[in-house]
Each structure stands twice: as structure tokens, then as C-alpha cells.
Amino acid sequence: MRAAAAAGPRDGEAMTDASAIEAATRRLAAALDALEGALERRRDTDKGENALAAQVHALGSDRSKLASDLDAATARSRKLEATNREIAQRLDVAIDSIRSVIETQP
């Protein structure tokens, strides 16, 4: 009987060790699955951040081009205004000259 009793705990001990190993294996598999899920979420986040960074860069480039175009349009507008003032002055001189000619005639 002693031999049976001595063998019993060893079988139970082996069963307990196997159960512990199985439980540890399940926990490890669950941890690896959780890690894989976290990695996928991180990759998705990184992709989103990269896309956002590309959009910000494109918007910055568009803004620079628009600012340059605005500067050119403003310069052209100022030049046209100056030309318009010069033409108005010349027209005033021409009108005054025509009036003077008309007034001097009998």
C-alpha cells in the first residue's frame, strides 16, 4: 500500500505540473494574441498618422503656392492702380487742353 500511496502523489504531481504548463501555455498564447492585436492597432495608428502628415505637408505646399500667387496678384494690382492714376491724370490734362482750345474760339 505504501508503494501505491507513494506513486499516487507523483501521478497527481505530474498531473498538476501538466495542468500548470497547459495553463501557462494558454496565458502565453493569450498574451501573444493581445500583443499582436496591440501591434496591429499601432500599425493602423501609424498609417493614419503618416496619411495625416502627408496631408499637412500637401496643405503647407498649397498654402505656400497660394501665398506666392497672392503676392504676385497684389503686385499686379498695385501696378494697374498706378497705371490707372497716370492715365486719369493724362486724360485730365487732355480735357483741360481741349476746353482751353474751345473757350478761345469765337
N, C-alpha and C. Protein backbone atom coordinates (compact mmCIF):
# COMPACT_ATOMS: atom_id res chain seq x y z
N MET A 1 0.80 -1.17 0.00
CA MET A 1 0.00 0.00 0.00
C MET A 1 0.85 1.25 0.00
N ARG A 2 1.94 1.16 0.69
CA ARG A 2 2.82 2.32 0.70
C ARG A 2 3.33 2.65 -0.68
N ALA A 3 3.62 1.64 -1.44
CA ALA A 3 4.10 1.86 -2.80
C ALA A 3 3.02 2.55 -3.62
N ALA A 4 1.77 2.17 -3.43
CA ALA A 4 0.67 2.80 -4.16
C ALA A 4 0.49 4.23 -3.70
N ALA A 5 0.62 4.44 -2.41
CA ALA A 5 0.47 5.79 -1.87
C ALA A 5 1.61 6.67 -2.35
N ALA A 6 2.80 6.09 -2.46
CA ALA A 6 3.94 6.88 -2.92
C ALA A 6 3.80 7.19 -4.40
N ALA A 7 3.23 6.29 -5.16
CA ALA A 7 3.07 6.53 -6.59
C ALA A 7 1.95 7.52 -6.84
N GLY A 8 0.95 7.55 -6.00
CA GLY A 8 -0.20 8.44 -6.16
C GLY A 8 0.17 9.91 -6.21
N PRO A 9 0.88 10.40 -5.25
CA PRO A 9 1.22 11.82 -5.29
C PRO A 9 2.08 12.18 -6.48
N ARG A 10 2.88 11.23 -6.89
CA ARG A 10 3.70 11.54 -8.06
C ARG A 10 2.82 11.67 -9.30
N ASP A 11 1.85 10.81 -9.45
CA ASP A 11 0.92 10.94 -10.58
C ASP A 11 0.16 12.24 -10.47
N GLY A 12 -0.30 12.56 -9.28
CA GLY A 12 -1.02 13.82 -9.05
C GLY A 12 -0.10 15.01 -9.28
N GLU A 13 1.14 14.84 -8.87
CA GLU A 13 2.12 15.90 -9.06
C GLU A 13 2.38 16.10 -10.54
N ALA A 14 2.49 14.99 -11.30
CA ALA A 14 2.69 15.08 -12.74
C ALA A 14 1.49 15.72 -13.40
N MET A 15 0.29 15.38 -12.92
CA MET A 15 -0.93 15.95 -13.47
C MET A 15 -0.98 17.44 -13.17
N THR A 16 -0.58 17.82 -11.98
CA THR A 16 -0.58 19.22 -11.58
C THR A 16 0.43 19.99 -12.41
N ASP A 17 1.60 19.41 -12.62
CA ASP A 17 2.62 20.06 -13.46
C ASP A 17 2.11 20.22 -14.89
N ALA A 18 1.48 19.19 -15.44
CA ALA A 18 0.94 19.27 -16.80
C ALA A 18 -0.15 20.33 -16.87
N SER A 19 -1.01 20.39 -15.87
CA SER A 19 -2.08 21.39 -15.84
C SER A 19 -1.49 22.79 -15.74
N ALA A 20 -0.46 22.92 -14.92
CA ALA A 20 0.17 24.23 -14.77
C ALA A 20 0.82 24.66 -16.09
N ILE A 21 1.44 23.72 -16.76
CA ILE A 21 2.09 24.02 -18.04
C ILE A 21 1.02 24.41 -19.08
N GLU A 22 -0.09 23.66 -19.08
CA GLU A 22 -1.18 24.00 -20.02
C GLU A 22 -1.74 25.38 -19.73
N ALA A 23 -1.93 25.68 -18.45
CA ALA A 23 -2.47 26.99 -18.07
C ALA A 23 -1.48 28.09 -18.46
N ALA A 24 -0.20 27.84 -18.23
CA ALA A 24 0.82 28.83 -18.60
C ALA A 24 0.87 29.00 -20.11
N THR A 25 0.72 27.90 -20.84
CA THR A 25 0.72 27.96 -22.30
C THR A 25 -0.48 28.76 -22.80
N ARG A 26 -1.65 28.55 -22.19
CA ARG A 26 -2.84 29.32 -22.57
C ARG A 26 -2.65 30.81 -22.27
N ARG A 27 -2.08 31.09 -21.11
CA ARG A 27 -1.83 32.51 -20.77
C ARG A 27 -0.83 33.14 -21.73
N LEU A 28 0.20 32.38 -22.09
CA LEU A 28 1.19 32.89 -23.05
C LEU A 28 0.55 33.13 -24.41
N ALA A 29 -0.29 32.19 -24.86
CA ALA A 29 -0.97 32.36 -26.15
C ALA A 29 -1.89 33.57 -26.10
N ALA A 30 -2.60 33.76 -24.99
CA ALA A 30 -3.49 34.92 -24.85
C ALA A 30 -2.68 36.22 -24.85
N ALA A 31 -1.54 36.20 -24.16
CA ALA A 31 -0.69 37.38 -24.12
C ALA A 31 -0.14 37.70 -25.51
N LEU A 32 0.26 36.66 -26.25
CA LEU A 32 0.76 36.86 -27.61
C LEU A 32 -0.34 37.39 -28.53
N ASP A 33 -1.56 36.88 -28.37
CA ASP A 33 -2.70 37.39 -29.15
C ASP A 33 -2.95 38.86 -28.83
N ALA A 34 -2.91 39.20 -27.54
CA ALA A 34 -3.12 40.59 -27.13
C ALA A 34 -2.01 41.48 -27.69
N LEU A 35 -0.79 40.99 -27.66
CA LEU A 35 0.35 41.74 -28.20
C LEU A 35 0.19 41.94 -29.70
N GLU A 36 -0.22 40.90 -30.39
CA GLU A 36 -0.45 41.01 -31.84
C GLU A 36 -1.55 42.02 -32.15
N GLY A 37 -2.61 41.99 -31.37
CA GLY A 37 -3.69 42.96 -31.55
C GLY A 37 -3.21 44.38 -31.32
N ALA A 38 -2.41 44.57 -30.27
CA ALA A 38 -1.86 45.90 -29.98
C ALA A 38 -0.94 46.36 -31.10
N LEU A 39 -0.18 45.42 -31.64
CA LEU A 39 0.72 45.76 -32.75
C LEU A 39 -0.07 46.18 -33.99
N GLU A 40 -1.14 45.49 -34.30
CA GLU A 40 -1.99 45.84 -35.44
C GLU A 40 -2.60 47.23 -35.25
N ARG A 41 -3.10 47.48 -34.02
CA ARG A 41 -3.67 48.81 -33.74
C ARG A 41 -2.62 49.89 -33.89
N ARG A 42 -1.41 49.60 -33.45
CA ARG A 42 -0.32 50.58 -33.57
C ARG A 42 0.02 50.83 -35.04
N ARG A 43 0.05 49.76 -35.84
CA ARG A 43 0.32 49.92 -37.28
C ARG A 43 -0.77 50.78 -37.93
N ASP A 44 -2.02 50.53 -37.57
CA ASP A 44 -3.13 51.33 -38.10
C ASP A 44 -2.99 52.79 -37.69
N THR A 45 -2.62 53.01 -36.45
CA THR A 45 -2.43 54.38 -35.96
C THR A 45 -1.29 55.05 -36.71
N ASP A 46 -0.19 54.32 -36.90
CA ASP A 46 0.95 54.88 -37.63
C ASP A 46 0.58 55.22 -39.07
N LYS A 47 -0.22 54.34 -39.71
CA LYS A 47 -0.66 54.61 -41.08
C LYS A 47 -1.50 55.89 -41.11
N GLY A 48 -2.39 56.02 -40.12
CA GLY A 48 -3.22 57.22 -40.03
C GLY A 48 -2.39 58.47 -39.81
N GLU A 49 -1.38 58.36 -38.95
CA GLU A 49 -0.51 59.49 -38.68
C GLU A 49 0.30 59.86 -39.93
N ASN A 50 0.78 58.86 -40.66
CA ASN A 50 1.54 59.11 -41.88
C ASN A 50 0.66 59.79 -42.93
N ALA A 51 -0.58 59.32 -43.05
CA ALA A 51 -1.50 59.93 -44.01
C ALA A 51 -1.79 61.37 -43.60
N LEU A 52 -1.98 61.60 -42.32
CA LEU A 52 -2.24 62.96 -41.83
C LEU A 52 -1.02 63.85 -42.07
N ALA A 53 0.16 63.33 -41.83
CA ALA A 53 1.39 64.11 -42.06
C ALA A 53 1.52 64.47 -43.54
N ALA A 54 1.17 63.53 -44.42
CA ALA A 54 1.22 63.81 -45.86
C ALA A 54 0.21 64.90 -46.24
N GLN A 55 -0.97 64.85 -45.64
CA GLN A 55 -1.98 65.87 -45.91
C GLN A 55 -1.51 67.23 -45.41
N VAL A 56 -0.93 67.27 -44.23
CA VAL A 56 -0.42 68.54 -43.68
C VAL A 56 0.67 69.09 -44.59
N HIS A 57 1.55 68.22 -45.07
CA HIS A 57 2.61 68.66 -45.98
C HIS A 57 2.02 69.22 -47.27
N ALA A 58 1.02 68.53 -47.82
CA ALA A 58 0.38 68.99 -49.05
C ALA A 58 -0.31 70.33 -48.82
N LEU A 59 -0.98 70.47 -47.68
CA LEU A 59 -1.63 71.75 -47.37
C LEU A 59 -0.60 72.87 -47.22
N GLY A 60 0.53 72.55 -46.62
CA GLY A 60 1.61 73.54 -46.48
C GLY A 60 2.13 73.98 -47.84
N SER A 61 2.29 73.01 -48.75
CA SER A 61 2.75 73.35 -50.10
C SER A 61 1.71 74.20 -50.83
N ASP A 62 0.44 73.82 -50.69
CA ASP A 62 -0.64 74.61 -51.31
C ASP A 62 -0.66 76.01 -50.75
N ARG A 63 -0.50 76.14 -49.44
CA ARG A 63 -0.50 77.45 -48.80
C ARG A 63 0.64 78.31 -49.32
N SER A 64 1.81 77.72 -49.46
CA SER A 64 2.96 78.47 -49.97
C SER A 64 2.70 78.96 -51.39
N LYS A 65 2.13 78.08 -52.24
CA LYS A 65 1.84 78.47 -53.61
C LYS A 65 0.78 79.57 -53.65
N LEU A 66 -0.25 79.42 -52.83
CA LEU A 66 -1.31 80.43 -52.78
C LEU A 66 -0.76 81.77 -52.28
N ALA A 67 0.12 81.74 -51.29
CA ALA A 67 0.72 82.97 -50.79
C ALA A 67 1.55 83.64 -51.88
N SER A 68 2.29 82.85 -52.63
CA SER A 68 3.08 83.39 -53.73
C SER A 68 2.18 83.99 -54.81
N ASP A 69 1.11 83.26 -55.15
CA ASP A 69 0.16 83.77 -56.15
C ASP A 69 -0.49 85.07 -55.67
N LEU A 70 -0.83 85.13 -54.39
CA LEU A 70 -1.44 86.34 -53.83
C LEU A 70 -0.47 87.51 -53.89
N ASP A 71 0.79 87.27 -53.56
CA ASP A 71 1.79 88.33 -53.65
C ASP A 71 1.91 88.86 -55.07
N ALA A 72 1.93 87.94 -56.04
CA ALA A 72 2.03 88.35 -57.45
C ALA A 72 0.80 89.13 -57.87
N ALA A 73 -0.38 88.68 -57.46
CA ALA A 73 -1.63 89.37 -57.82
C ALA A 73 -1.68 90.75 -57.17
N THR A 74 -1.22 90.86 -55.94
CA THR A 74 -1.20 92.15 -55.25
C THR A 74 -0.25 93.11 -55.95
N ALA A 75 0.91 92.63 -56.34
CA ALA A 75 1.86 93.48 -57.06
C ALA A 75 1.27 93.94 -58.39
N ARG A 76 0.62 93.04 -59.10
CA ARG A 76 -0.01 93.40 -60.39
C ARG A 76 -1.12 94.42 -60.17
N SER A 77 -1.90 94.23 -59.13
CA SER A 77 -2.99 95.16 -58.82
C SER A 77 -2.45 96.55 -58.53
N ARG A 78 -1.38 96.63 -57.77
CA ARG A 78 -0.76 97.93 -57.46
C ARG A 78 -0.23 98.59 -58.72
N LYS A 79 0.36 97.80 -59.59
CA LYS A 79 0.88 98.35 -60.85
C LYS A 79 -0.27 98.87 -61.71
N LEU A 80 -1.37 98.11 -61.77
CA LEU A 80 -2.54 98.56 -62.55
C LEU A 80 -3.14 99.84 -61.95
N GLU A 81 -3.18 99.94 -60.63
CA GLU A 81 -3.70 101.14 -60.00
C GLU A 81 -2.83 102.35 -60.33
N ALA A 82 -1.52 102.16 -60.30
CA ALA A 82 -0.60 103.26 -60.64
C ALA A 82 -0.79 103.67 -62.10
N THR A 83 -0.92 102.69 -62.98
CA THR A 83 -1.15 102.99 -64.40
C THR A 83 -2.48 103.71 -64.59
N ASN A 84 -3.50 103.29 -63.88
CA ASN A 84 -4.82 103.92 -63.95
C ASN A 84 -4.74 105.38 -63.51
N ARG A 85 -4.02 105.66 -62.42
CA ARG A 85 -3.87 107.05 -61.95
C ARG A 85 -3.14 107.89 -63.00
N GLU A 86 -2.10 107.33 -63.60
CA GLU A 86 -1.34 108.06 -64.62
C GLU A 86 -2.23 108.37 -65.83
N ILE A 87 -3.02 107.41 -66.27
CA ILE A 87 -3.93 107.62 -67.40
C ILE A 87 -4.98 108.66 -67.05
N ALA A 88 -5.51 108.61 -65.83
CA ALA A 88 -6.50 109.61 -65.40
C ALA A 88 -5.90 111.01 -65.42
N GLN A 89 -4.67 111.14 -64.98
CA GLN A 89 -4.00 112.45 -65.00
C GLN A 89 -3.81 112.94 -66.44
N ARG A 90 -3.41 112.07 -67.32
CA ARG A 90 -3.21 112.45 -68.72
C ARG A 90 -4.55 112.87 -69.36
N LEU A 91 -5.61 112.10 -69.03
CA LEU A 91 -6.93 112.47 -69.55
C LEU A 91 -7.37 113.83 -69.03
N ASP A 92 -7.11 114.10 -67.75
CA ASP A 92 -7.45 115.42 -67.19
C ASP A 92 -6.70 116.53 -67.92
N VAL A 93 -5.43 116.31 -68.20
CA VAL A 93 -4.64 117.32 -68.93
C VAL A 93 -5.20 117.49 -70.34
N ALA A 94 -5.53 116.39 -71.00
CA ALA A 94 -6.08 116.47 -72.36
C ALA A 94 -7.43 117.18 -72.36
N ILE A 95 -8.28 116.88 -71.39
CA ILE A 95 -9.60 117.54 -71.31
C ILE A 95 -9.42 119.03 -71.07
N ASP A 96 -8.50 119.40 -70.17
CA ASP A 96 -8.25 120.81 -69.91
C ASP A 96 -7.73 121.51 -71.17
N SER A 97 -6.88 120.82 -71.92
CA SER A 97 -6.35 121.41 -73.16
C SER A 97 -7.46 121.62 -74.17
N ILE A 98 -8.36 120.65 -74.31
CA ILE A 98 -9.48 120.75 -75.26
C ILE A 98 -10.41 121.89 -74.83
N ARG A 99 -10.69 122.00 -73.54
CA ARG A 99 -11.55 123.08 -73.05
C ARG A 99 -10.94 124.44 -73.35
N SER A 100 -9.64 124.53 -73.14
CA SER A 100 -8.96 125.81 -73.39
C SER A 100 -9.07 126.19 -74.86
N VAL A 101 -8.90 125.22 -75.73
CA VAL A 101 -9.00 125.46 -77.18
C VAL A 101 -10.42 125.90 -77.52
N ILE A 102 -11.41 125.24 -76.98
CA ILE A 102 -12.80 125.54 -77.26
C ILE A 102 -13.16 126.94 -76.73
N GLU A 103 -12.70 127.28 -75.55
CA GLU A 103 -13.02 128.58 -74.97
C GLU A 103 -12.37 129.73 -75.73
N THR A 104 -11.24 129.51 -76.35
CA THR A 104 -10.55 130.59 -77.06
C THR A 104 -11.14 130.83 -78.44
N GLN A 105 -11.92 129.95 -78.93
CA GLN A 105 -12.51 130.14 -80.24
C GLN A 105 -13.73 131.07 -80.14
N PRO A 106 -13.89 131.95 -81.15
CA PRO A 106 -15.00 132.90 -81.11
C PRO A 106 -16.35 132.30 -81.37
